[in-house]
Amino acid sequence: MTTVIVRDPDGPTSVWVFLGSEPVEVAESCIDVGAGWDWDDWCEHRDEMLAGASPAARESLLTLLDGPPGGVYVEGRDDRPWLDPAA
């Protein structure tokens, strides 16, 4: 399997996955919590990733999203939990 990722630092990330020579449709979930996020926008992004994930991917995302690297740069978080307790 080969994965090709193109990341525009000021735009979207594009992902292509090939199993052998055949492309496979993927749902991209990018956890990039660096500078530029405010808390409300981050929560919306987080919730969209979780809603679109398969059950197995969702379990992995829940672990990865609970204290992601770079989180100190998110504006307006004010020590709120990374994961919505209702999720």
PDB file of N, CA and C in Angstrom:
ATOM      1  N   MET A   1       0.856  -1.164   0.000  1.00  0.00           N
ATOM      2  CA  MET A   1       0.000   0.000   0.000  1.00  0.00           C
ATOM      3  C   MET A   1       0.904   1.229   0.000  1.00  0.00           C
ATOM      4  N   THR A   2       0.499   2.231  -0.750  1.00  0.00           N
ATOM      5  CA  THR A   2       1.213   3.502  -0.808  1.00  0.00           C
ATOM      6  C   THR A   2       0.247   4.624  -0.492  1.00  0.00           C
ATOM      7  N   THR A   3       0.696   5.577   0.298  1.00  0.00           N
ATOM      8  CA  THR A   3      -0.099   6.751   0.629  1.00  0.00           C
ATOM      9  C   THR A   3       0.652   7.984   0.146  1.00  0.00           C
ATOM     10  N   VAL A   4      -0.052   8.846  -0.573  1.00  0.00           N
ATOM     11  CA  VAL A   4       0.518  10.106  -1.040  1.00  0.00           C
ATOM     12  C   VAL A   4      -0.247  11.230  -0.350  1.00  0.00           C
ATOM     13  N   ILE A   5       0.488  12.119   0.324  1.00  0.00           N
ATOM     14  CA  ILE A   5      -0.126  13.224   1.065  1.00  0.00           C
ATOM     15  C   ILE A   5       0.489  14.526   0.584  1.00  0.00           C
ATOM     16  N   VAL A   6      -0.364  15.463   0.196  1.00  0.00           N
ATOM     17  CA  VAL A   6       0.083  16.796  -0.174  1.00  0.00           C
ATOM     18  C   VAL A   6      -0.539  17.754   0.825  1.00  0.00           C
ATOM     19  N   ARG A   7       0.320  18.453   1.574  1.00  0.00           N
ATOM     20  CA  ARG A   7      -0.160  19.368   2.601  1.00  0.00           C
ATOM     21  C   ARG A   7       0.213  20.787   2.238  1.00  0.00           C
ATOM     22  N   ASP A   8      -0.796  21.602   2.032  1.00  0.00           N
ATOM     23  CA  ASP A   8      -0.614  23.033   1.801  1.00  0.00           C
ATOM     24  C   ASP A   8      -0.720  23.698   3.160  1.00  0.00           C
ATOM     25  N   PRO A   9       0.345  24.364   3.647  1.00  0.00           N
ATOM     26  CA  PRO A   9       0.273  24.953   4.984  1.00  0.00           C
ATOM     27  C   PRO A   9      -0.793  26.034   5.124  1.00  0.00           C
ATOM     28  N   ASP A  10      -1.249  26.569   4.013  1.00  0.00           N
ATOM     29  CA  ASP A  10      -2.294  27.593   4.054  1.00  0.00           C
ATOM     30  C   ASP A  10      -3.583  27.119   3.395  1.00  0.00           C
ATOM     31  N   GLY A  11      -3.722  25.822   3.223  1.00  0.00           N
ATOM     32  CA  GLY A  11      -4.905  25.293   2.549  1.00  0.00           C
ATOM     33  C   GLY A  11      -5.156  23.856   2.939  1.00  0.00           C
ATOM     34  N   PRO A  12      -5.865  23.133   2.093  1.00  0.00           N
ATOM     35  CA  PRO A  12      -6.267  21.763   2.440  1.00  0.00           C
ATOM     36  C   PRO A  12      -5.133  20.755   2.293  1.00  0.00           C
ATOM     37  N   THR A  13      -5.352  19.603   2.881  1.00  0.00           N
ATOM     38  CA  THR A  13      -4.466  18.456   2.706  1.00  0.00           C
ATOM     39  C   THR A  13      -5.175  17.486   1.771  1.00  0.00           C
ATOM     40  N   SER A  14      -4.451  16.967   0.799  1.00  0.00           N
ATOM     41  CA  SER A  14      -5.012  15.985  -0.127  1.00  0.00           C
ATOM     42  C   SER A  14      -4.322  14.650   0.115  1.00  0.00           C
ATOM     43  N   VAL A  15      -5.115  13.569   0.122  1.00  0.00           N
ATOM     44  CA  VAL A  15      -4.583  12.242   0.421  1.00  0.00           C
ATOM     45  C   VAL A  15      -5.068  11.255  -0.635  1.00  0.00           C
ATOM     46  N   TRP A  16      -4.123  10.460  -1.145  1.00  0.00           N
ATOM     47  CA  TRP A  16      -4.455   9.363  -2.040  1.00  0.00           C
ATOM     48  C   TRP A  16      -3.820   8.098  -1.486  1.00  0.00           C
ATOM     49  N   VAL A  17      -4.584   7.014  -1.443  1.00  0.00           N
ATOM     50  CA  VAL A  17      -4.079   5.730  -0.971  1.00  0.00           C
ATOM     51  C   VAL A  17      -4.229   4.729  -2.117  1.00  0.00           C
ATOM     52  N   PHE A  18      -3.159   3.963  -2.358  1.00  0.00           N
ATOM     53  CA  PHE A  18      -3.174   2.962  -3.406  1.00  0.00           C
ATOM     54  C   PHE A  18      -2.903   1.596  -2.795  1.00  0.00           C
ATOM     55  N   LEU A  19      -3.774   0.659  -3.067  1.00  0.00           N
ATOM     56  CA  LEU A  19      -3.596  -0.725  -2.652  1.00  0.00           C
ATOM     57  C   LEU A  19      -3.166  -1.466  -3.908  1.00  0.00           C
ATOM     58  N   GLY A  20      -1.891  -1.811  -3.992  1.00  0.00           N
ATOM     59  CA  GLY A  20      -1.339  -2.280  -5.269  1.00  0.00           C
ATOM     60  C   GLY A  20      -1.329  -1.097  -6.215  1.00  0.00           C
ATOM     61  N   SER A  21      -1.978  -1.229  -7.344  1.00  0.00           N
ATOM     62  CA  SER A  21      -2.049  -0.111  -8.293  1.00  0.00           C
ATOM     63  C   SER A  21      -3.432   0.534  -8.302  1.00  0.00           C
ATOM     64  N   GLU A  22      -4.309   0.084  -7.418  1.00  0.00           N
ATOM     65  CA  GLU A  22      -5.675   0.589  -7.377  1.00  0.00           C
ATOM     66  C   GLU A  22      -5.852   1.663  -6.304  1.00  0.00           C
ATOM     67  N   PRO A  23      -6.424   2.813  -6.678  1.00  0.00           N
ATOM     68  CA  PRO A  23      -6.702   3.834  -5.662  1.00  0.00           C
ATOM     69  C   PRO A  23      -7.850   3.385  -4.748  1.00  0.00           C
ATOM     70  N   VAL A  24      -7.746   3.732  -3.479  1.00  0.00           N
ATOM     71  CA  VAL A  24      -8.761   3.393  -2.493  1.00  0.00           C
ATOM     72  C   VAL A  24      -9.304   4.699  -1.929  1.00  0.00           C
ATOM     73  N   GLU A  25     -10.624   4.810  -1.852  1.00  0.00           N
ATOM     74  CA  GLU A  25     -11.229   6.014  -1.290  1.00  0.00           C
ATOM     75  C   GLU A  25     -10.916   6.091   0.202  1.00  0.00           C
ATOM     76  N   VAL A  26     -10.535   7.273   0.661  1.00  0.00           N
ATOM     77  CA  VAL A  26     -10.191   7.454   2.074  1.00  0.00           C
ATOM     78  C   VAL A  26     -10.901   8.675   2.640  1.00  0.00           C
ATOM     79  N   ALA A  27     -11.095   8.650   3.952  1.00  0.00           N
ATOM     80  CA  ALA A  27     -11.566   9.828   4.684  1.00  0.00           C
ATOM     81  C   ALA A  27     -10.356  10.357   5.435  1.00  0.00           C
ATOM     82  N   GLU A  28      -9.952  11.558   5.123  1.00  0.00           N
ATOM     83  CA  GLU A  28      -8.760  12.149   5.723  1.00  0.00           C
ATOM     84  C   GLU A  28      -9.123  12.794   7.058  1.00  0.00           C
ATOM     85  N   SER A  29      -8.367  12.456   8.086  1.00  0.00           N
ATOM     86  CA  SER A  29      -8.519  13.061   9.411  1.00  0.00           C
ATOM     87  C   SER A  29      -7.168  13.624   9.806  1.00  0.00           C
ATOM     88  N   CYS A  30      -7.046  14.935   9.772  1.00  0.00           N
ATOM     89  CA  CYS A  30      -5.764  15.578  10.039  1.00  0.00           C
ATOM     90  C   CYS A  30      -5.770  16.208  11.429  1.00  0.00           C
ATOM     91  N   ILE A  31      -4.885  15.727  12.284  1.00  0.00           N
ATOM     92  CA  ILE A  31      -4.738  16.283  13.624  1.00  0.00           C
ATOM     93  C   ILE A  31      -3.505  17.177  13.591  1.00  0.00           C
ATOM     94  N   ASP A  32      -3.727  18.446  13.338  1.00  0.00           N
ATOM     95  CA  ASP A  32      -2.649  19.439  13.230  1.00  0.00           C
ATOM     96  C   ASP A  32      -3.078  20.624  14.077  1.00  0.00           C
ATOM     97  N   VAL A  33      -2.709  20.609  15.357  1.00  0.00           N
ATOM     98  CA  VAL A  33      -3.254  21.539  16.339  1.00  0.00           C
ATOM     99  C   VAL A  33      -2.351  22.757  16.556  1.00  0.00           C
ATOM    100  N   GLY A  34      -1.526  23.095  15.603  1.00  0.00           N
ATOM    101  CA  GLY A  34      -0.597  24.198  15.799  1.00  0.00           C
ATOM    102  C   GLY A  34      -1.278  25.549  15.885  1.00  0.00           C
ATOM    103  N   ALA A  35      -0.448  26.584  15.814  1.00  0.00           N
ATOM    104  CA  ALA A  35      -0.931  27.963  15.900  1.00  0.00           C
ATOM    105  C   ALA A  35      -1.961  28.229  14.806  1.00  0.00           C
ATOM    106  N   GLY A  36      -2.901  29.099  15.129  1.00  0.00           N
ATOM    107  CA  GLY A  36      -3.918  29.480  14.164  1.00  0.00           C
ATOM    108  C   GLY A  36      -5.312  28.961  14.486  1.00  0.00           C
ATOM    109  N   TRP A  37      -5.417  28.027  15.410  1.00  0.00           N
ATOM    110  CA  TRP A  37      -6.724  27.494  15.800  1.00  0.00           C
ATOM    111  C   TRP A  37      -7.280  28.304  16.959  1.00  0.00           C
ATOM    112  N   ASP A  38      -8.581  28.568  16.915  1.00  0.00           N
ATOM    113  CA  ASP A  38      -9.236  29.010  18.144  1.00  0.00           C
ATOM    114  C   ASP A  38     -10.103  27.841  18.602  1.00  0.00           C
ATOM    115  N   TRP A  39     -10.462  27.841  19.866  1.00  0.00           N
ATOM    116  CA  TRP A  39     -11.097  26.675  20.486  1.00  0.00           C
ATOM    117  C   TRP A  39     -12.377  26.248  19.771  1.00  0.00           C
ATOM    118  N   ASP A  40     -13.246  27.183  19.439  1.00  0.00           N
ATOM    119  CA  ASP A  40     -14.513  26.815  18.798  1.00  0.00           C
ATOM    120  C   ASP A  40     -14.285  26.164  17.437  1.00  0.00           C
ATOM    121  N   ASP A  41     -13.352  26.715  16.635  1.00  0.00           N
ATOM    122  CA  ASP A  41     -13.055  26.123  15.331  1.00  0.00           C
ATOM    123  C   ASP A  41     -12.427  24.740  15.487  1.00  0.00           C
ATOM    124  N   TRP A  42     -11.526  24.595  16.483  1.00  0.00           N
ATOM    125  CA  TRP A  42     -10.916  23.291  16.713  1.00  0.00           C
ATOM    126  C   TRP A  42     -11.986  22.259  17.088  1.00  0.00           C
ATOM    127  N   CYS A  43     -12.918  22.627  17.963  1.00  0.00           N
ATOM    128  CA  CYS A  43     -13.979  21.696  18.380  1.00  0.00           C
ATOM    129  C   CYS A  43     -14.833  21.274  17.188  1.00  0.00           C
ATOM    130  N   GLU A  44     -15.136  22.202  16.306  1.00  0.00           N
ATOM    131  CA  GLU A  44     -15.914  21.868  15.104  1.00  0.00           C
ATOM    132  C   GLU A  44     -15.133  20.883  14.233  1.00  0.00           C
ATOM    133  N   HIS A  45     -13.852  21.134  14.025  1.00  0.00           N
ATOM    134  CA  HIS A  45     -12.996  20.242  13.237  1.00  0.00           C
ATOM    135  C   HIS A  45     -12.924  18.859  13.887  1.00  0.00           C
ATOM    136  N   ARG A  46     -12.701  18.828  15.191  1.00  0.00           N
ATOM    137  CA  ARG A  46     -12.632  17.572  15.943  1.00  0.00           C
ATOM    138  C   ARG A  46     -13.918  16.774  15.790  1.00  0.00           C
ATOM    139  N   ASP A  47     -15.054  17.432  15.959  1.00  0.00           N
ATOM    140  CA  ASP A  47     -16.340  16.747  15.887  1.00  0.00           C
ATOM    141  C   ASP A  47     -16.632  16.231  14.482  1.00  0.00           C
ATOM    142  N   GLU A  48     -16.218  16.974  13.453  1.00  0.00           N
ATOM    143  CA  GLU A  48     -16.397  16.506  12.075  1.00  0.00           C
ATOM    144  C   GLU A  48     -15.536  15.269  11.805  1.00  0.00           C
ATOM    145  N   MET A  49     -14.300  15.267  12.311  1.00  0.00           N
ATOM    146  CA  MET A  49     -13.444  14.089  12.133  1.00  0.00           C
ATOM    147  C   MET A  49     -14.075  12.865  12.802  1.00  0.00           C
ATOM    148  N   LEU A  50     -14.545  13.034  14.030  1.00  0.00           N
ATOM    149  CA  LEU A  50     -15.132  11.905  14.755  1.00  0.00           C
ATOM    150  C   LEU A  50     -16.406  11.410  14.091  1.00  0.00           C
ATOM    151  N   ALA A  51     -17.229  12.324  13.599  1.00  0.00           N
ATOM    152  CA  ALA A  51     -18.497  11.934  12.960  1.00  0.00           C
ATOM    153  C   ALA A  51     -18.278  11.165  11.663  1.00  0.00           C
ATOM    154  N   GLY A  52     -17.204  11.473  10.935  1.00  0.00           N
ATOM    155  CA  GLY A  52     -16.961  10.827   9.649  1.00  0.00           C
ATOM    156  C   GLY A  52     -16.106   9.586   9.715  1.00  0.00           C
ATOM    157  N   ALA A  53     -15.668   9.202  10.892  1.00  0.00           N
ATOM    158  CA  ALA A  53     -14.745   8.071  11.034  1.00  0.00           C
ATOM    159  C   ALA A  53     -15.480   6.748  11.186  1.00  0.00           C
ATOM    160  N   SER A  54     -14.835   5.690  10.716  1.00  0.00           N
ATOM    161  CA  SER A  54     -15.352   4.339  10.963  1.00  0.00           C
ATOM    162  C   SER A  54     -15.234   4.059  12.463  1.00  0.00           C
ATOM    163  N   PRO A  55     -15.916   3.043  12.975  1.00  0.00           N
ATOM    164  CA  PRO A  55     -15.810   2.750  14.406  1.00  0.00           C
ATOM    165  C   PRO A  55     -14.364   2.522  14.876  1.00  0.00           C
ATOM    166  N   ALA A  56     -13.572   1.779  14.119  1.00  0.00           N
ATOM    167  CA  ALA A  56     -12.184   1.527  14.523  1.00  0.00           C
ATOM    168  C   ALA A  56     -11.360   2.805  14.471  1.00  0.00           C
ATOM    169  N   ALA A  57     -11.541   3.591  13.415  1.00  0.00           N
ATOM    170  CA  ALA A  57     -10.805   4.857  13.294  1.00  0.00           C
ATOM    171  C   ALA A  57     -11.237   5.817  14.395  1.00  0.00           C
ATOM    172  N   ARG A  58     -12.513   5.810  14.754  1.00  0.00           N
ATOM    173  CA  ARG A  58     -13.012   6.695  15.803  1.00  0.00           C
ATOM    174  C   ARG A  58     -12.335   6.399  17.139  1.00  0.00           C
ATOM    175  N   GLU A  59     -12.173   5.120  17.452  1.00  0.00           N
ATOM    176  CA  GLU A  59     -11.497   4.749  18.693  1.00  0.00           C
ATOM    177  C   GLU A  59     -10.057   5.258  18.707  1.00  0.00           C
ATOM    178  N   SER A  60      -9.374   5.125  17.585  1.00  0.00           N
ATOM    179  CA  SER A  60      -8.014   5.634  17.477  1.00  0.00           C
ATOM    180  C   SER A  60      -7.996   7.154  17.604  1.00  0.00           C
ATOM    181  N   LEU A  61      -8.924   7.830  16.919  1.00  0.00           N
ATOM    182  CA  LEU A  61      -8.997   9.289  16.988  1.00  0.00           C
ATOM    183  C   LEU A  61      -9.259   9.770  18.415  1.00  0.00           C
ATOM    184  N   LEU A  62     -10.128   9.090  19.137  1.00  0.00           N
ATOM    185  CA  LEU A  62     -10.410   9.496  20.517  1.00  0.00           C
ATOM    186  C   LEU A  62      -9.139   9.490  21.364  1.00  0.00           C
ATOM    187  N   THR A  63      -8.292   8.499  21.158  1.00  0.00           N
ATOM    188  CA  THR A  63      -7.031   8.439  21.887  1.00  0.00           C
ATOM    189  C   THR A  63      -6.100   9.569  21.445  1.00  0.00           C
ATOM    190  N   LEU A  64      -5.982   9.767  20.149  1.00  0.00           N
ATOM    191  CA  LEU A  64      -5.069  10.775  19.611  1.00  0.00           C
ATOM    192  C   LEU A  64      -5.513  12.203  19.905  1.00  0.00           C
ATOM    193  N   LEU A  65      -6.807  12.426  19.982  1.00  0.00           N
ATOM    194  CA  LEU A  65      -7.336  13.774  20.201  1.00  0.00           C
ATOM    195  C   LEU A  65      -7.355  14.183  21.669  1.00  0.00           C
ATOM    196  N   ASP A  66      -7.099  13.258  22.568  1.00  0.00           N
ATOM    197  CA  ASP A  66      -7.110  13.563  23.997  1.00  0.00           C
ATOM    198  C   ASP A  66      -5.734  14.060  24.438  1.00  0.00           C
ATOM    199  N   GLY A  67      -5.437  15.315  24.103  1.00  0.00           N
ATOM    200  CA  GLY A  67      -4.142  15.909  24.426  1.00  0.00           C
ATOM    201  C   GLY A  67      -3.197  15.910  23.243  1.00  0.00           C
ATOM    202  N   PRO A  68      -3.637  16.402  22.088  1.00  0.00           N
ATOM    203  CA  PRO A  68      -2.794  16.355  20.893  1.00  0.00           C
ATOM    204  C   PRO A  68      -1.587  17.279  20.997  1.00  0.00           C
ATOM    205  N   PRO A  69      -0.469  16.910  20.337  1.00  0.00           N
ATOM    206  CA  PRO A  69       0.705  17.768  20.350  1.00  0.00           C
ATOM    207  C   PRO A  69       0.389  19.113  19.699  1.00  0.00           C
ATOM    208  N   GLY A  70       0.965  20.166  20.227  1.00  0.00           N
ATOM    209  CA  GLY A  70       0.722  21.507  19.694  1.00  0.00           C
ATOM    210  C   GLY A  70      -0.483  22.189  20.298  1.00  0.00           C
ATOM    211  N   GLY A  71      -1.181  21.508  21.174  1.00  0.00           N
ATOM    212  CA  GLY A  71      -2.406  22.046  21.744  1.00  0.00           C
ATOM    213  C   GLY A  71      -2.233  23.326  22.541  1.00  0.00           C
ATOM    214  N   VAL A  72      -1.032  23.586  23.012  1.00  0.00           N
ATOM    215  CA  VAL A  72      -0.802  24.810  23.787  1.00  0.00           C
ATOM    216  C   VAL A  72      -1.026  26.064  22.952  1.00  0.00           C
ATOM    217  N   TYR A  73      -1.058  25.909  21.625  1.00  0.00           N
ATOM    218  CA  TYR A  73      -1.225  27.057  20.736  1.00  0.00           C
ATOM    219  C   TYR A  73      -2.680  27.390  20.422  1.00  0.00           C
ATOM    220  N   VAL A  74      -3.615  26.541  20.836  1.00  0.00           N
ATOM    221  CA  VAL A  74      -5.034  26.786  20.558  1.00  0.00           C
ATOM    222  C   VAL A  74      -5.518  27.938  21.437  1.00  0.00           C
ATOM    223  N   GLU A  75      -6.027  28.980  20.810  1.00  0.00           N
ATOM    224  CA  GLU A  75      -6.502  30.169  21.526  1.00  0.00           C
ATOM    225  C   GLU A  75      -7.869  29.910  22.151  1.00  0.00           C
ATOM    226  N   GLY A  76      -8.057  30.324  23.392  1.00  0.00           N
ATOM    227  CA  GLY A  76      -9.364  30.276  24.036  1.00  0.00           C
ATOM    228  C   GLY A  76      -9.770  28.938  24.618  1.00  0.00           C
ATOM    229  N   ARG A  77      -8.849  27.993  24.713  1.00  0.00           N
ATOM    230  CA  ARG A  77      -9.196  26.682  25.279  1.00  0.00           C
ATOM    231  C   ARG A  77      -9.447  26.782  26.774  1.00  0.00           C
ATOM    232  N   ASP A  78      -8.650  27.547  27.483  1.00  0.00           N
ATOM    233  CA  ASP A  78      -8.824  27.765  28.919  1.00  0.00           C
ATOM    234  C   ASP A  78      -8.914  26.464  29.720  1.00  0.00           C
ATOM    235  N   ASP A  79      -8.039  25.514  29.444  1.00  0.00           N
ATOM    236  CA  ASP A  79      -7.942  24.240  30.167  1.00  0.00           C
ATOM    237  C   ASP A  79      -9.191  23.361  30.093  1.00  0.00           C
ATOM    238  N   ARG A  80     -10.064  23.625  29.120  1.00  0.00           N
ATOM    239  CA  ARG A  80     -11.204  22.723  28.934  1.00  0.00           C
ATOM    240  C   ARG A  80     -10.706  21.376  28.422  1.00  0.00           C
ATOM    241  N   PRO A  81     -11.441  20.289  28.671  1.00  0.00           N
ATOM    242  CA  PRO A  81     -11.003  18.977  28.201  1.00  0.00           C
ATOM    243  C   PRO A  81     -10.967  18.917  26.661  1.00  0.00           C
ATOM    244  N   TRP A  82     -10.004  18.184  26.140  1.00  0.00           N
ATOM    245  CA  TRP A  82      -9.858  18.078  24.696  1.00  0.00           C
ATOM    246  C   TRP A  82     -11.037  17.385  24.047  1.00  0.00           C
ATOM    247  N   LEU A  83     -11.637  16.457  24.746  1.00  0.00           N
ATOM    248  CA  LEU A  83     -12.770  15.704  24.193  1.00  0.00           C
ATOM    249  C   LEU A  83     -14.050  16.166  24.872  1.00  0.00           C
ATOM    250  N   ASP A  84     -15.110  16.258  24.086  1.00  0.00           N
ATOM    251  CA  ASP A  84     -16.419  16.622  24.605  1.00  0.00           C
ATOM    252  C   ASP A  84     -16.921  15.461  25.457  1.00  0.00           C
ATOM    253  N   PRO A  85     -17.187  15.693  26.742  1.00  0.00           N
ATOM    254  CA  PRO A  85     -17.649  14.595  27.600  1.00  0.00           C
ATOM    255  C   PRO A  85     -18.935  13.939  27.103  1.00  0.00           C
ATOM    256  N   ALA A  86     -19.705  14.636  26.275  1.00  0.00           N
ATOM    257  CA  ALA A  86     -20.954  14.080  25.748  1.00  0.00           C
ATOM    258  C   ALA A  86     -20.706  13.179  24.543  1.00  0.00           C
ATOM    259  N   ALA A  87     -19.474  13.172  24.019  1.00  0.00           N
ATOM    260  CA  ALA A  87     -19.192  12.395  22.800  1.00  0.00           C
ATOM    261  C   ALA A  87     -19.024  10.975  23.107  1.00  0.00           C
TER     262      ALA A  87
END
